[in-house]
């Protein structure tokens, strides 16, 4: 699978999830790359990758460690352990603490490619 975006670069302000991403003929192992291009201080991002057979029922396949700052990190997703998976979706939760505005703000992308 060539590089494809599960989440194109998007600014998020709260919990949410991406659109359904069809795997097609994906290889048994994908390299997921999470990019955070903008963040403000005193906030966190938790991002998990969910898988589905039918696009209706979802289960958690992987999660990135909690993030606080801009940067790029990668995670291998072994689909051989979940061969029936046909769809992926990203799901995220944000948290903000401290003084000032309590609305979090991250600009992120999530890409997948054959590993």
Protein backbone atom coordinates (compact mmCIF):
# COMPACT_ATOMS: atom_id res chain seq x y z
CA UNK A 1 0.00 0.00 0.00
CA UNK A 2 1.47 3.38 -0.91
CA UNK A 3 1.31 6.17 1.65
CA UNK A 4 -2.33 6.97 2.44
CA UNK A 5 -3.87 9.29 5.02
CA UNK A 6 -6.29 7.85 7.56
CA UNK A 7 -6.54 11.39 8.93
CA UNK A 8 -5.44 14.16 6.56
CA UNK A 9 -3.89 17.15 8.33
CA UNK A 10 -6.72 18.41 10.53
CA UNK A 11 -7.10 20.77 13.48
CA UNK A 12 -9.00 19.15 16.35
CA UNK A 13 -10.42 20.75 19.50
CA UNK A 14 -12.02 17.79 21.28
CA UNK A 15 -12.67 14.08 21.25
CA UNK A 16 -13.56 12.57 17.90
CA UNK A 17 -12.87 10.00 15.25
CA UNK A 18 -11.87 9.87 11.63
CA UNK A 19 -13.90 8.74 8.69
CA UNK A 20 -13.82 5.06 7.81
CA UNK A 21 -10.64 4.03 5.96
CA UNK A 22 -10.92 0.98 3.67
CA UNK A 23 -7.79 -1.18 3.69
CA UNK A 24 -8.27 -2.87 0.33
CA UNK A 25 -5.38 -5.27 -0.35
CA UNK A 26 -3.18 -4.06 2.50
CA UNK A 27 -0.01 -5.90 3.48
CA UNK A 28 -0.01 -7.83 6.77
CA UNK A 29 2.01 -5.08 8.46
CA UNK A 30 1.41 -1.34 8.23
CA UNK A 31 3.56 1.50 9.45
CA UNK A 32 1.35 4.17 11.01
CA UNK A 33 2.81 7.67 11.27
CA UNK A 34 1.26 10.26 13.58
CA UNK A 35 2.32 13.82 12.89
CA UNK A 36 1.51 16.69 15.24
CA UNK A 37 2.20 19.96 13.46
CA UNK A 38 0.64 22.32 15.99
CA UNK A 39 -0.01 22.13 19.72
CA UNK A 40 -0.46 24.52 22.59
CA UNK A 41 0.97 24.12 26.08
CA UNK A 42 -0.64 22.10 28.85
CA UNK A 43 -2.63 19.65 26.74
CA UNK A 44 -2.49 15.98 25.79
CA UNK A 45 -3.58 13.79 22.89
CA UNK A 46 -4.49 10.10 23.12
CA UNK A 47 -4.91 8.48 19.70
CA UNK A 48 -6.00 4.88 19.10
CA UNK A 49 -6.47 2.94 15.86
CA UNK A 50 -9.61 0.83 15.61
CA UNK A 51 -10.30 -2.00 13.20
CA UNK A 52 -13.52 -3.45 11.82
CA UNK A 53 -14.67 -6.33 9.65
CA UNK A 54 -17.89 -4.64 8.53
CA UNK A 55 -17.52 -0.92 9.29
CA UNK A 56 -20.07 -1.20 12.11
CA UNK A 57 -18.45 -3.03 15.04
CA UNK A 58 -15.01 -1.68 16.04
CA UNK A 59 -12.19 -2.99 18.22
CA UNK A 60 -8.98 -1.33 19.34
CA UNK A 61 -5.93 -2.58 17.43
CA UNK A 62 -3.21 -0.16 18.54
CA UNK A 63 -2.58 3.10 20.35
CA UNK A 64 0.16 5.69 20.32
CA UNK A 65 1.68 6.73 23.65
CA UNK A 66 0.10 9.91 25.01
CA UNK A 67 1.43 13.00 23.21
CA UNK A 68 1.97 16.54 24.48
CA UNK A 69 4.11 18.28 21.84
CA UNK A 70 4.62 18.65 18.11
CA UNK A 71 6.59 15.95 16.32
CA UNK A 72 6.33 12.73 14.36
CA UNK A 73 6.11 9.20 15.73
CA UNK A 74 5.54 5.82 14.12
CA UNK A 75 3.91 2.59 15.18
CA UNK A 76 3.83 -0.82 13.47
CA UNK A 77 0.39 -2.40 13.13
CA UNK A 78 0.55 -6.16 12.58
CA UNK A 79 -2.62 -7.03 10.67
CA UNK A 80 -1.61 -10.70 10.54
CA UNK A 81 -3.01 -10.88 14.08
CA UNK A 82 -6.31 -9.48 12.74
CA UNK A 83 -6.61 -10.89 9.18
CA UNK A 84 -10.35 -10.25 8.98
CA UNK A 85 -9.90 -6.46 9.40
CA UNK A 86 -11.15 -4.55 6.35
CA UNK A 87 -11.49 -1.02 7.75
CA UNK A 88 -9.52 1.28 10.05
CA UNK A 89 -10.54 4.38 11.96
CA UNK A 90 -8.60 6.72 14.23
CA UNK A 91 -10.17 7.78 17.52
CA UNK A 92 -8.78 10.52 19.75
CA UNK A 93 -9.30 12.17 23.11
CA UNK A 94 -7.86 15.52 24.13
CA UNK A 95 -7.25 17.04 27.54
CA UNK A 96 -6.25 20.57 28.54
CA UNK A 97 -5.39 21.91 31.97
CA UNK A 98 -3.90 25.01 33.55
CA UNK A 99 -4.85 28.66 33.22
CA UNK A 100 -6.62 30.39 30.38
CA UNK A 101 -8.76 28.90 27.64
CA UNK A 102 -9.66 25.28 28.38
CA UNK A 103 -10.27 24.25 24.75
CA UNK A 104 -7.44 22.04 23.47
CA UNK A 105 -5.96 22.50 20.02
CA UNK A 106 -3.87 20.05 18.02
CA UNK A 107 -3.22 19.93 14.29
CA UNK A 108 -2.51 16.30 13.38
CA UNK A 109 -2.32 13.79 10.57
CA UNK A 110 -2.23 9.99 10.57
CA UNK A 111 -0.70 8.18 7.61
CA UNK A 112 -0.42 4.46 6.81
CA UNK A 113 1.92 2.65 4.44
CA UNK A 114 3.15 -0.88 3.89
CA UNK A 115 5.97 -1.73 6.24
